[in-house]
Amino acid sequence: MPKLVIVRHGQSQWNLENKFTGWIDIDLSPKGVEEAMQAAEKLKDYKFDKAFTSDLIRAQRTLDIILRNTGMEDIPVEKDQALNERMYGDLQGLNKDECRKKFGDEQVKIWRRSYDIPPPNGESLKDTADRVLPYYHSKIEPELKNGKDIIISAHGNSLRALIMYLEGLSKEEILKTEIPTGSPKEYIFDDSLKVIETKYI
């Protein structure tokens, strides 16, 4: 039975500074490096056949730390912007508290937590799912069907889109789903790629 492990990147410098990051290419904070190291420790007994990550350094570096510290640095790694974080448009680079003062708590909450209402010039979660899921079906699913064990290092919202699909969650359920940084989550499938077990490692 194939396994899929997903990991949200460790804390980034802008996570630390409470800024909307989106597609801005911000590196890990020192805590984020430590979270990636802790993820590697949790995965030390796993063996993956292939890895997938986004086009952004915080996800790539998290994956690199995990693979290097588990002796799997030689496995194939595919990088693609289809797995990038949700693009936050005009909010990118702005402090979240300042945004609440400028636009109001309710409006910022709608932009962050509604399924299909994007921030100005940005993406909604639905928009993010519309690029993540075709990539999953075309690139990752075939590997799982071939019995390969896969790890994905990506972002809160790109992984939220994937979790919604894998776990069959509603729009309301996925918006309440929190994905902690640096915490590997495992999916075990049957031969038809139906999820039969999932757990944080």
N, C-alpha and C. Protein backbone atom coordinates (compact mmCIF):
# COMPACT_ATOMS: atom_id res chain seq x y z
N MET A 1 0.84 -1.20 0.00
CA MET A 1 0.00 0.00 0.00
C MET A 1 0.88 1.25 0.00
N PRO A 2 0.66 2.14 -0.95
CA PRO A 2 1.51 3.34 -1.02
C PRO A 2 1.23 4.30 0.12
N LYS A 3 2.26 5.07 0.47
CA LYS A 3 2.15 6.10 1.50
C LYS A 3 2.41 7.46 0.88
N LEU A 4 1.70 8.46 1.40
CA LEU A 4 1.95 9.84 1.06
C LEU A 4 2.14 10.61 2.36
N VAL A 5 3.24 11.34 2.46
CA VAL A 5 3.46 12.21 3.62
C VAL A 5 3.51 13.65 3.12
N ILE A 6 2.71 14.50 3.75
CA ILE A 6 2.73 15.92 3.43
C ILE A 6 3.30 16.69 4.62
N VAL A 7 4.05 17.75 4.31
CA VAL A 7 4.65 18.58 5.36
C VAL A 7 4.48 20.04 4.97
N ARG A 8 3.86 20.81 5.85
CA ARG A 8 3.89 22.25 5.66
C ARG A 8 5.26 22.75 6.08
N HIS A 9 5.86 23.61 5.26
CA HIS A 9 7.20 24.12 5.56
C HIS A 9 7.29 24.66 6.98
N GLY A 10 8.50 24.67 7.52
CA GLY A 10 8.72 25.26 8.83
C GLY A 10 8.43 26.76 8.82
N GLN A 11 8.36 27.33 10.00
CA GLN A 11 8.06 28.75 10.11
C GLN A 11 8.99 29.59 9.22
N SER A 12 8.40 30.48 8.43
CA SER A 12 9.22 31.39 7.61
C SER A 12 9.46 32.69 8.37
N GLN A 13 10.36 33.50 7.85
CA GLN A 13 10.66 34.77 8.50
C GLN A 13 9.41 35.66 8.54
N TRP A 14 8.60 35.59 7.49
CA TRP A 14 7.38 36.42 7.48
C TRP A 14 6.25 35.80 8.29
N ASN A 15 6.24 34.47 8.48
CA ASN A 15 5.33 33.90 9.48
C ASN A 15 5.65 34.54 10.83
N LEU A 16 6.94 34.59 11.13
CA LEU A 16 7.39 35.15 12.40
C LEU A 16 6.98 36.62 12.53
N GLU A 17 7.06 37.35 11.43
CA GLU A 17 6.75 38.78 11.45
C GLU A 17 5.27 39.06 11.21
N ASN A 18 4.46 37.99 11.10
CA ASN A 18 3.01 38.12 10.97
C ASN A 18 2.61 38.85 9.68
N LYS A 19 3.33 38.53 8.59
CA LYS A 19 3.03 39.16 7.30
C LYS A 19 2.40 38.15 6.34
N PHE A 20 1.56 38.65 5.44
CA PHE A 20 1.06 37.84 4.34
C PHE A 20 2.21 37.56 3.38
N THR A 21 2.49 36.30 3.13
CA THR A 21 3.67 35.94 2.33
C THR A 21 3.30 35.57 0.90
N GLY A 22 2.37 34.62 0.74
CA GLY A 22 1.96 34.22 -0.60
C GLY A 22 3.11 33.75 -1.44
N TRP A 23 3.29 34.37 -2.62
CA TRP A 23 4.33 33.94 -3.56
C TRP A 23 5.65 34.68 -3.36
N ILE A 24 5.74 35.56 -2.37
CA ILE A 24 7.02 36.21 -2.08
C ILE A 24 7.97 35.14 -1.54
N ASP A 25 9.19 35.12 -2.06
CA ASP A 25 10.10 34.00 -1.78
C ASP A 25 10.92 34.26 -0.51
N ILE A 26 10.30 34.00 0.63
CA ILE A 26 10.90 34.26 1.94
C ILE A 26 11.44 32.97 2.53
N ASP A 27 12.63 33.04 3.12
CA ASP A 27 13.29 31.84 3.67
C ASP A 27 12.74 31.50 5.05
N LEU A 28 13.18 30.36 5.57
CA LEU A 28 12.80 29.91 6.90
C LEU A 28 13.42 30.82 7.97
N SER A 29 12.72 30.94 9.08
CA SER A 29 13.29 31.55 10.28
C SER A 29 14.14 30.50 10.99
N PRO A 30 14.95 30.89 11.98
CA PRO A 30 15.69 29.88 12.75
C PRO A 30 14.77 28.82 13.36
N LYS A 31 13.59 29.25 13.83
CA LYS A 31 12.63 28.28 14.36
C LYS A 31 12.16 27.34 13.25
N GLY A 32 11.99 27.88 12.04
CA GLY A 32 11.56 27.05 10.92
C GLY A 32 12.58 25.98 10.58
N VAL A 33 13.86 26.33 10.67
CA VAL A 33 14.92 25.33 10.45
C VAL A 33 14.82 24.24 11.51
N GLU A 34 14.61 24.64 12.75
CA GLU A 34 14.48 23.67 13.84
C GLU A 34 13.25 22.78 13.62
N GLU A 35 12.15 23.36 13.16
CA GLU A 35 10.94 22.55 12.88
C GLU A 35 11.21 21.52 11.78
N ALA A 36 11.96 21.93 10.76
CA ALA A 36 12.31 20.99 9.70
C ALA A 36 13.20 19.87 10.23
N MET A 37 14.11 20.20 11.13
CA MET A 37 14.95 19.19 11.76
C MET A 37 14.12 18.21 12.57
N GLN A 38 13.13 18.73 13.29
CA GLN A 38 12.25 17.87 14.07
C GLN A 38 11.41 16.97 13.17
N ALA A 39 10.98 17.51 12.03
CA ALA A 39 10.24 16.69 11.06
C ALA A 39 11.12 15.55 10.55
N ALA A 40 12.38 15.87 10.28
CA ALA A 40 13.32 14.83 9.82
C ALA A 40 13.46 13.73 10.85
N GLU A 41 13.53 14.10 12.11
CA GLU A 41 13.65 13.11 13.18
C GLU A 41 12.43 12.19 13.20
N LYS A 42 11.25 12.76 12.99
CA LYS A 42 10.02 11.95 12.96
C LYS A 42 9.98 11.01 11.76
N LEU A 43 10.69 11.37 10.71
CA LEU A 43 10.64 10.59 9.46
C LEU A 43 11.88 9.72 9.25
N LYS A 44 12.68 9.56 10.28
CA LYS A 44 13.97 8.87 10.10
C LYS A 44 13.81 7.40 9.71
N ASP A 45 12.66 6.80 10.01
CA ASP A 45 12.45 5.39 9.66
C ASP A 45 11.67 5.22 8.36
N TYR A 46 11.37 6.32 7.68
CA TYR A 46 10.62 6.26 6.42
C TYR A 46 11.59 6.21 5.25
N LYS A 47 11.13 5.63 4.16
CA LYS A 47 11.90 5.62 2.92
C LYS A 47 10.99 6.06 1.78
N PHE A 48 11.30 7.18 1.18
CA PHE A 48 10.49 7.71 0.09
C PHE A 48 11.16 7.44 -1.25
N ASP A 49 10.33 7.29 -2.26
CA ASP A 49 10.83 7.05 -3.61
C ASP A 49 10.99 8.34 -4.40
N LYS A 50 10.18 9.33 -4.07
CA LYS A 50 10.23 10.60 -4.80
C LYS A 50 9.66 11.70 -3.93
N ALA A 51 10.11 12.94 -4.17
CA ALA A 51 9.63 14.10 -3.41
C ALA A 51 9.12 15.16 -4.37
N PHE A 52 8.13 15.90 -3.89
CA PHE A 52 7.57 17.02 -4.64
C PHE A 52 7.55 18.24 -3.73
N THR A 53 7.83 19.41 -4.32
CA THR A 53 7.79 20.64 -3.54
C THR A 53 7.42 21.79 -4.45
N SER A 54 7.26 22.96 -3.85
CA SER A 54 6.84 24.14 -4.61
C SER A 54 8.04 24.84 -5.22
N ASP A 55 7.76 25.99 -5.80
CA ASP A 55 8.80 26.80 -6.43
C ASP A 55 9.39 27.80 -5.44
N LEU A 56 9.05 27.68 -4.15
CA LEU A 56 9.44 28.67 -3.16
C LEU A 56 10.44 28.09 -2.16
N ILE A 57 11.40 28.92 -1.76
CA ILE A 57 12.56 28.47 -0.99
C ILE A 57 12.18 27.88 0.36
N ARG A 58 11.14 28.39 1.01
CA ARG A 58 10.82 27.90 2.34
C ARG A 58 10.36 26.44 2.32
N ALA A 59 9.64 26.06 1.28
CA ALA A 59 9.22 24.67 1.14
C ALA A 59 10.38 23.80 0.67
N GLN A 60 11.18 24.32 -0.27
CA GLN A 60 12.32 23.56 -0.79
C GLN A 60 13.34 23.31 0.31
N ARG A 61 13.60 24.32 1.13
CA ARG A 61 14.62 24.17 2.17
C ARG A 61 14.14 23.21 3.26
N THR A 62 12.84 23.27 3.58
CA THR A 62 12.29 22.30 4.54
C THR A 62 12.50 20.88 4.03
N LEU A 63 12.18 20.67 2.75
CA LEU A 63 12.37 19.34 2.16
C LEU A 63 13.83 18.95 2.16
N ASP A 64 14.70 19.87 1.80
CA ASP A 64 16.13 19.58 1.75
C ASP A 64 16.66 19.16 3.12
N ILE A 65 16.23 19.85 4.18
CA ILE A 65 16.66 19.50 5.54
C ILE A 65 16.17 18.11 5.90
N ILE A 66 14.91 17.82 5.55
CA ILE A 66 14.35 16.49 5.86
C ILE A 66 15.12 15.40 5.13
N LEU A 67 15.33 15.58 3.83
CA LEU A 67 15.99 14.53 3.05
C LEU A 67 17.45 14.36 3.46
N ARG A 68 18.13 15.46 3.73
CA ARG A 68 19.54 15.39 4.10
C ARG A 68 19.72 14.69 5.45
N ASN A 69 18.78 14.92 6.36
CA ASN A 69 18.91 14.36 7.70
C ASN A 69 18.28 12.98 7.86
N THR A 70 17.73 12.46 6.78
CA THR A 70 17.21 11.08 6.79
C THR A 70 17.95 10.20 5.79
N GLY A 71 19.02 10.74 5.21
CA GLY A 71 19.81 9.96 4.27
C GLY A 71 19.13 9.72 2.93
N MET A 72 18.19 10.60 2.56
CA MET A 72 17.46 10.43 1.31
C MET A 72 17.70 11.57 0.32
N GLU A 73 18.86 12.22 0.45
CA GLU A 73 19.10 13.38 -0.40
C GLU A 73 19.23 13.03 -1.88
N ASP A 74 19.36 11.75 -2.21
CA ASP A 74 19.54 11.36 -3.60
C ASP A 74 18.25 10.98 -4.32
N ILE A 75 17.10 11.03 -3.63
CA ILE A 75 15.86 10.66 -4.32
C ILE A 75 15.46 11.78 -5.28
N PRO A 76 14.70 11.45 -6.34
CA PRO A 76 14.26 12.50 -7.27
C PRO A 76 13.35 13.52 -6.58
N VAL A 77 13.57 14.80 -6.91
CA VAL A 77 12.76 15.89 -6.37
C VAL A 77 12.20 16.69 -7.53
N GLU A 78 10.89 16.86 -7.54
CA GLU A 78 10.24 17.67 -8.58
C GLU A 78 9.69 18.94 -7.95
N LYS A 79 10.07 20.09 -8.53
CA LYS A 79 9.64 21.39 -8.02
C LYS A 79 8.68 22.04 -9.03
N ASP A 80 7.57 22.57 -8.53
CA ASP A 80 6.60 23.17 -9.45
C ASP A 80 5.78 24.24 -8.72
N GLN A 81 5.51 25.36 -9.40
CA GLN A 81 4.75 26.43 -8.79
C GLN A 81 3.28 26.06 -8.61
N ALA A 82 2.85 24.94 -9.18
CA ALA A 82 1.49 24.46 -8.93
C ALA A 82 1.27 24.19 -7.45
N LEU A 83 2.36 23.89 -6.72
CA LEU A 83 2.27 23.61 -5.28
C LEU A 83 2.55 24.85 -4.43
N ASN A 84 2.71 26.01 -5.06
CA ASN A 84 2.98 27.24 -4.31
C ASN A 84 1.84 27.58 -3.36
N GLU A 85 2.17 28.41 -2.39
CA GLU A 85 1.17 28.95 -1.48
C GLU A 85 0.12 29.74 -2.27
N ARG A 86 -1.02 29.95 -1.66
CA ARG A 86 -2.03 30.83 -2.26
C ARG A 86 -1.43 32.21 -2.48
N MET A 87 -1.68 32.77 -3.66
CA MET A 87 -1.17 34.10 -3.97
C MET A 87 -2.08 35.14 -3.32
N TYR A 88 -1.51 35.95 -2.42
CA TYR A 88 -2.32 36.87 -1.64
C TYR A 88 -2.45 38.26 -2.27
N GLY A 89 -1.97 38.43 -3.48
CA GLY A 89 -2.21 39.67 -4.21
C GLY A 89 -1.72 40.91 -3.48
N ASP A 90 -2.62 41.88 -3.35
CA ASP A 90 -2.26 43.18 -2.77
C ASP A 90 -1.90 43.09 -1.29
N LEU A 91 -2.23 41.96 -0.65
CA LEU A 91 -1.93 41.82 0.77
C LEU A 91 -0.50 41.34 1.03
N GLN A 92 0.17 40.83 0.00
CA GLN A 92 1.49 40.26 0.18
C GLN A 92 2.47 41.30 0.72
N GLY A 93 3.17 40.92 1.79
CA GLY A 93 4.13 41.82 2.41
C GLY A 93 3.56 42.70 3.49
N LEU A 94 2.22 42.71 3.63
CA LEU A 94 1.58 43.54 4.65
C LEU A 94 1.43 42.77 5.96
N ASN A 95 1.57 43.47 7.06
CA ASN A 95 1.35 42.88 8.37
C ASN A 95 -0.14 42.59 8.56
N LYS A 96 -0.45 41.42 9.08
CA LYS A 96 -1.85 41.00 9.20
C LYS A 96 -2.63 41.90 10.16
N ASP A 97 -2.01 42.33 11.24
CA ASP A 97 -2.69 43.22 12.18
C ASP A 97 -2.96 44.58 11.55
N GLU A 98 -2.00 45.07 10.76
CA GLU A 98 -2.21 46.34 10.07
C GLU A 98 -3.32 46.23 9.04
N CYS A 99 -3.42 45.07 8.39
CA CYS A 99 -4.49 44.85 7.42
C CYS A 99 -5.86 44.88 8.10
N ARG A 100 -5.92 44.31 9.31
CA ARG A 100 -7.20 44.31 10.04
C ARG A 100 -7.61 45.75 10.39
N LYS A 101 -6.64 46.57 10.76
CA LYS A 101 -6.94 47.97 11.07
C LYS A 101 -7.38 48.72 9.81
N LYS A 102 -6.77 48.41 8.69
CA LYS A 102 -7.04 49.13 7.45
C LYS A 102 -8.36 48.70 6.81
N PHE A 103 -8.59 47.36 6.77
CA PHE A 103 -9.75 46.84 6.05
C PHE A 103 -10.87 46.33 6.96
N GLY A 104 -10.56 46.17 8.25
CA GLY A 104 -11.55 45.64 9.19
C GLY A 104 -11.35 44.15 9.41
N ASP A 105 -11.61 43.71 10.63
CA ASP A 105 -11.43 42.30 10.98
C ASP A 105 -12.23 41.38 10.07
N GLU A 106 -13.49 41.74 9.82
CA GLU A 106 -14.38 40.85 9.08
C GLU A 106 -13.93 40.67 7.63
N GLN A 107 -13.50 41.77 7.01
CA GLN A 107 -13.06 41.68 5.61
C GLN A 107 -11.80 40.82 5.49
N VAL A 108 -10.85 41.00 6.40
CA VAL A 108 -9.62 40.19 6.36
C VAL A 108 -9.95 38.73 6.62
N LYS A 109 -10.87 38.48 7.54
CA LYS A 109 -11.29 37.10 7.80
C LYS A 109 -11.90 36.47 6.56
N ILE A 110 -12.71 37.22 5.84
CA ILE A 110 -13.32 36.71 4.59
C ILE A 110 -12.23 36.37 3.58
N TRP A 111 -11.27 37.27 3.43
CA TRP A 111 -10.19 37.00 2.47
C TRP A 111 -9.38 35.78 2.86
N ARG A 112 -9.15 35.61 4.15
CA ARG A 112 -8.30 34.51 4.61
C ARG A 112 -9.04 33.18 4.67
N ARG A 113 -10.31 33.22 5.04
CA ARG A 113 -10.98 31.98 5.41
C ARG A 113 -12.21 31.62 4.56
N SER A 114 -12.57 32.46 3.58
CA SER A 114 -13.65 32.03 2.69
C SER A 114 -13.05 31.10 1.64
N TYR A 115 -13.89 30.30 1.03
CA TYR A 115 -13.41 29.32 0.05
C TYR A 115 -13.16 29.95 -1.31
N ASP A 116 -14.04 30.86 -1.72
CA ASP A 116 -13.96 31.32 -3.11
C ASP A 116 -13.95 32.84 -3.27
N ILE A 117 -13.62 33.58 -2.21
CA ILE A 117 -13.50 35.04 -2.32
C ILE A 117 -12.02 35.41 -2.17
N PRO A 118 -11.38 35.84 -3.26
CA PRO A 118 -9.94 36.15 -3.19
C PRO A 118 -9.69 37.56 -2.65
N PRO A 119 -8.52 37.81 -2.09
CA PRO A 119 -8.12 39.18 -1.79
C PRO A 119 -7.86 39.91 -3.10
N PRO A 120 -7.79 41.24 -3.08
CA PRO A 120 -7.57 41.99 -4.33
C PRO A 120 -6.33 41.50 -5.08
N ASN A 121 -6.53 41.14 -6.35
CA ASN A 121 -5.46 40.68 -7.24
C ASN A 121 -4.78 39.39 -6.75
N GLY A 122 -5.49 38.62 -5.92
CA GLY A 122 -4.93 37.38 -5.41
C GLY A 122 -5.80 36.17 -5.73
N GLU A 123 -5.52 35.07 -5.05
CA GLU A 123 -6.22 33.82 -5.26
C GLU A 123 -7.09 33.47 -4.05
N SER A 124 -8.21 32.84 -4.31
CA SER A 124 -8.99 32.20 -3.26
C SER A 124 -8.46 30.79 -3.05
N LEU A 125 -8.97 30.11 -2.02
CA LEU A 125 -8.60 28.71 -1.84
C LEU A 125 -9.07 27.88 -3.03
N LYS A 126 -10.23 28.22 -3.58
CA LYS A 126 -10.72 27.52 -4.78
C LYS A 126 -9.75 27.68 -5.94
N ASP A 127 -9.25 28.90 -6.14
CA ASP A 127 -8.26 29.14 -7.20
C ASP A 127 -7.02 28.29 -6.97
N THR A 128 -6.59 28.20 -5.72
CA THR A 128 -5.41 27.40 -5.38
C THR A 128 -5.66 25.93 -5.69
N ALA A 129 -6.84 25.44 -5.30
CA ALA A 129 -7.18 24.04 -5.58
C ALA A 129 -7.22 23.78 -7.09
N ASP A 130 -7.61 24.78 -7.87
CA ASP A 130 -7.72 24.60 -9.32
C ASP A 130 -6.36 24.41 -9.99
N ARG A 131 -5.26 24.71 -9.29
CA ARG A 131 -3.94 24.39 -9.86
C ARG A 131 -3.28 23.22 -9.13
N VAL A 132 -3.56 23.08 -7.82
CA VAL A 132 -2.95 21.99 -7.05
C VAL A 132 -3.48 20.63 -7.50
N LEU A 133 -4.80 20.51 -7.63
CA LEU A 133 -5.38 19.18 -7.88
C LEU A 133 -5.06 18.63 -9.27
N PRO A 134 -5.10 19.43 -10.35
CA PRO A 134 -4.66 18.87 -11.63
C PRO A 134 -3.21 18.39 -11.60
N TYR A 135 -2.36 19.12 -10.87
CA TYR A 135 -0.96 18.69 -10.74
C TYR A 135 -0.88 17.38 -9.96
N TYR A 136 -1.64 17.28 -8.88
CA TYR A 136 -1.66 16.04 -8.10
C TYR A 136 -2.11 14.87 -8.98
N HIS A 137 -3.17 15.07 -9.73
CA HIS A 137 -3.71 13.97 -10.55
C HIS A 137 -2.75 13.58 -11.67
N SER A 138 -2.03 14.55 -12.23
CA SER A 138 -1.18 14.24 -13.38
C SER A 138 0.23 13.79 -12.99
N LYS A 139 0.75 14.28 -11.86
CA LYS A 139 2.14 14.02 -11.51
C LYS A 139 2.34 13.11 -10.30
N ILE A 140 1.51 13.30 -9.27
CA ILE A 140 1.74 12.59 -8.01
C ILE A 140 0.94 11.30 -7.94
N GLU A 141 -0.32 11.37 -8.34
CA GLU A 141 -1.18 10.18 -8.28
C GLU A 141 -0.62 9.00 -9.06
N PRO A 142 -0.08 9.21 -10.27
CA PRO A 142 0.49 8.06 -11.00
C PRO A 142 1.63 7.38 -10.23
N GLU A 143 2.42 8.15 -9.50
CA GLU A 143 3.50 7.56 -8.70
C GLU A 143 2.92 6.69 -7.59
N LEU A 144 1.87 7.18 -6.94
CA LEU A 144 1.21 6.39 -5.89
C LEU A 144 0.58 5.13 -6.46
N LYS A 145 -0.02 5.25 -7.64
CA LYS A 145 -0.62 4.08 -8.29
C LYS A 145 0.42 3.02 -8.61
N ASN A 146 1.64 3.46 -8.83
CA ASN A 146 2.74 2.52 -9.09
C ASN A 146 3.38 2.01 -7.80
N GLY A 147 2.74 2.30 -6.66
CA GLY A 147 3.22 1.78 -5.38
C GLY A 147 4.35 2.56 -4.76
N LYS A 148 4.61 3.76 -5.28
CA LYS A 148 5.71 4.57 -4.76
C LYS A 148 5.28 5.33 -3.49
N ASP A 149 6.21 5.47 -2.56
CA ASP A 149 6.00 6.27 -1.36
C ASP A 149 6.51 7.68 -1.63
N ILE A 150 5.67 8.67 -1.35
CA ILE A 150 5.90 10.05 -1.79
C ILE A 150 5.87 11.00 -0.60
N ILE A 151 6.73 12.02 -0.63
CA ILE A 151 6.67 13.11 0.33
C ILE A 151 6.47 14.42 -0.43
N ILE A 152 5.59 15.28 0.11
CA ILE A 152 5.33 16.61 -0.45
C ILE A 152 5.64 17.65 0.62
N SER A 153 6.49 18.60 0.29
CA SER A 153 6.74 19.74 1.16
C SER A 153 6.15 20.98 0.49
N ALA A 154 5.13 21.55 1.11
CA ALA A 154 4.46 22.68 0.47
C ALA A 154 3.96 23.67 1.52
N HIS A 155 2.77 24.21 1.35
CA HIS A 155 2.33 25.39 2.10
C HIS A 155 0.94 25.17 2.69
N GLY A 156 0.58 26.05 3.63
CA GLY A 156 -0.69 25.89 4.31
C GLY A 156 -1.88 25.74 3.39
N ASN A 157 -1.99 26.62 2.40
CA ASN A 157 -3.18 26.59 1.55
C ASN A 157 -3.09 25.61 0.39
N SER A 158 -1.90 25.40 -0.16
CA SER A 158 -1.80 24.37 -1.21
C SER A 158 -2.06 22.99 -0.62
N LEU A 159 -1.59 22.77 0.61
CA LEU A 159 -1.86 21.50 1.28
C LEU A 159 -3.31 21.42 1.74
N ARG A 160 -3.90 22.54 2.13
CA ARG A 160 -5.30 22.55 2.51
C ARG A 160 -6.18 22.10 1.33
N ALA A 161 -5.85 22.58 0.13
CA ALA A 161 -6.59 22.17 -1.06
C ALA A 161 -6.47 20.67 -1.29
N LEU A 162 -5.27 20.13 -1.08
CA LEU A 162 -5.06 18.69 -1.28
C LEU A 162 -5.78 17.88 -0.19
N ILE A 163 -5.69 18.35 1.05
CA ILE A 163 -6.37 17.66 2.15
C ILE A 163 -7.88 17.61 1.92
N MET A 164 -8.44 18.71 1.44
CA MET A 164 -9.87 18.76 1.17
C MET A 164 -10.27 17.64 0.22
N TYR A 165 -9.45 17.43 -0.82
CA TYR A 165 -9.73 16.37 -1.78
C TYR A 165 -9.51 14.99 -1.17
N LEU A 166 -8.37 14.78 -0.54
CA LEU A 166 -8.03 13.45 -0.03
C LEU A 166 -8.98 12.97 1.06
N GLU A 167 -9.40 13.91 1.93
CA GLU A 167 -10.23 13.54 3.06
C GLU A 167 -11.72 13.78 2.82
N GLY A 168 -12.06 14.28 1.63
CA GLY A 168 -13.45 14.50 1.29
C GLY A 168 -14.13 15.52 2.18
N LEU A 169 -13.41 16.59 2.52
CA LEU A 169 -13.95 17.60 3.42
C LEU A 169 -14.80 18.62 2.66
N SER A 170 -15.77 19.19 3.36
CA SER A 170 -16.61 20.24 2.78
C SER A 170 -15.85 21.57 2.80
N LYS A 171 -16.41 22.56 2.11
CA LYS A 171 -15.80 23.90 2.12
C LYS A 171 -15.71 24.44 3.54
N GLU A 172 -16.74 24.18 4.34
CA GLU A 172 -16.76 24.67 5.71
C GLU A 172 -15.72 23.95 6.57
N GLU A 173 -15.62 22.64 6.37
CA GLU A 173 -14.67 21.86 7.18
C GLU A 173 -13.23 22.23 6.87
N ILE A 174 -12.91 22.44 5.59
CA ILE A 174 -11.51 22.71 5.24
C ILE A 174 -11.08 24.09 5.74
N LEU A 175 -12.03 25.03 5.81
CA LEU A 175 -11.67 26.36 6.28
C LEU A 175 -11.35 26.38 7.77
N LYS A 176 -11.82 25.37 8.49
CA LYS A 176 -11.53 25.26 9.92
C LYS A 176 -10.30 24.39 10.18
N THR A 177 -9.73 23.84 9.12
CA THR A 177 -8.61 22.91 9.26
C THR A 177 -7.30 23.67 9.38
N GLU A 178 -6.64 23.51 10.50
CA GLU A 178 -5.33 24.14 10.70
C GLU A 178 -4.23 23.12 10.39
N ILE A 179 -3.18 23.57 9.75
CA ILE A 179 -2.08 22.70 9.38
C ILE A 179 -0.82 23.24 10.06
N PRO A 180 -0.34 22.59 11.08
CA PRO A 180 0.83 23.12 11.80
C PRO A 180 2.09 23.05 10.95
N THR A 181 2.98 24.02 11.15
CA THR A 181 4.24 24.02 10.41
C THR A 181 5.14 22.89 10.89
N GLY A 182 5.82 22.27 9.93
CA GLY A 182 6.83 21.27 10.26
C GLY A 182 6.31 19.98 10.88
N SER A 183 5.02 19.67 10.68
CA SER A 183 4.44 18.46 11.27
C SER A 183 4.00 17.50 10.16
N PRO A 184 4.76 16.44 9.92
CA PRO A 184 4.42 15.51 8.83
C PRO A 184 3.08 14.81 9.08
N LYS A 185 2.27 14.72 8.03
CA LYS A 185 1.00 14.00 8.09
C LYS A 185 1.02 12.89 7.05
N GLU A 186 0.67 11.69 7.49
CA GLU A 186 0.78 10.50 6.63
C GLU A 186 -0.60 10.06 6.15
N TYR A 187 -0.66 9.71 4.87
CA TYR A 187 -1.84 9.09 4.28
C TYR A 187 -1.46 7.71 3.77
N ILE A 188 -2.26 6.72 4.14
CA ILE A 188 -2.09 5.37 3.62
C ILE A 188 -3.30 5.04 2.76
N PHE A 189 -3.04 4.51 1.57
CA PHE A 189 -4.09 4.24 0.59
C PHE A 189 -4.28 2.74 0.39
N ASP A 190 -5.47 2.38 -0.10
CA ASP A 190 -5.63 1.02 -0.61
C ASP A 190 -5.20 1.01 -2.08
N ASP A 191 -5.38 -0.11 -2.74
CA ASP A 191 -4.89 -0.24 -4.12
C ASP A 191 -5.63 0.66 -5.10
N SER A 192 -6.82 1.14 -4.72
CA SER A 192 -7.57 2.04 -5.59
C SER A 192 -7.35 3.51 -5.23
N LEU A 193 -6.35 3.74 -4.37
CA LEU A 193 -5.97 5.07 -3.90
C LEU A 193 -7.08 5.74 -3.08
N LYS A 194 -7.85 4.94 -2.40
CA LYS A 194 -8.77 5.47 -1.40
C LYS A 194 -8.02 5.54 -0.07
N VAL A 195 -8.14 6.68 0.61
CA VAL A 195 -7.45 6.84 1.89
C VAL A 195 -8.07 5.91 2.92
N ILE A 196 -7.22 5.07 3.53
CA ILE A 196 -7.72 4.15 4.56
C ILE A 196 -7.20 4.52 5.95
N GLU A 197 -6.20 5.37 5.99
CA GLU A 197 -5.69 5.81 7.30
C GLU A 197 -4.94 7.12 7.12
N THR A 198 -5.08 8.02 8.08
CA THR A 198 -4.31 9.24 8.08
C THR A 198 -3.96 9.62 9.51
N LYS A 199 -2.77 10.16 9.69
CA LYS A 199 -2.34 10.54 11.04
C LYS A 199 -1.16 11.50 10.95
N TYR A 200 -1.05 12.37 11.98
CA TYR A 200 0.18 13.14 12.12
C TYR A 200 1.23 12.24 12.75
N ILE A 201 2.43 12.34 12.23
CA ILE A 201 3.51 11.47 12.68
C ILE A 201 4.18 12.06 13.91
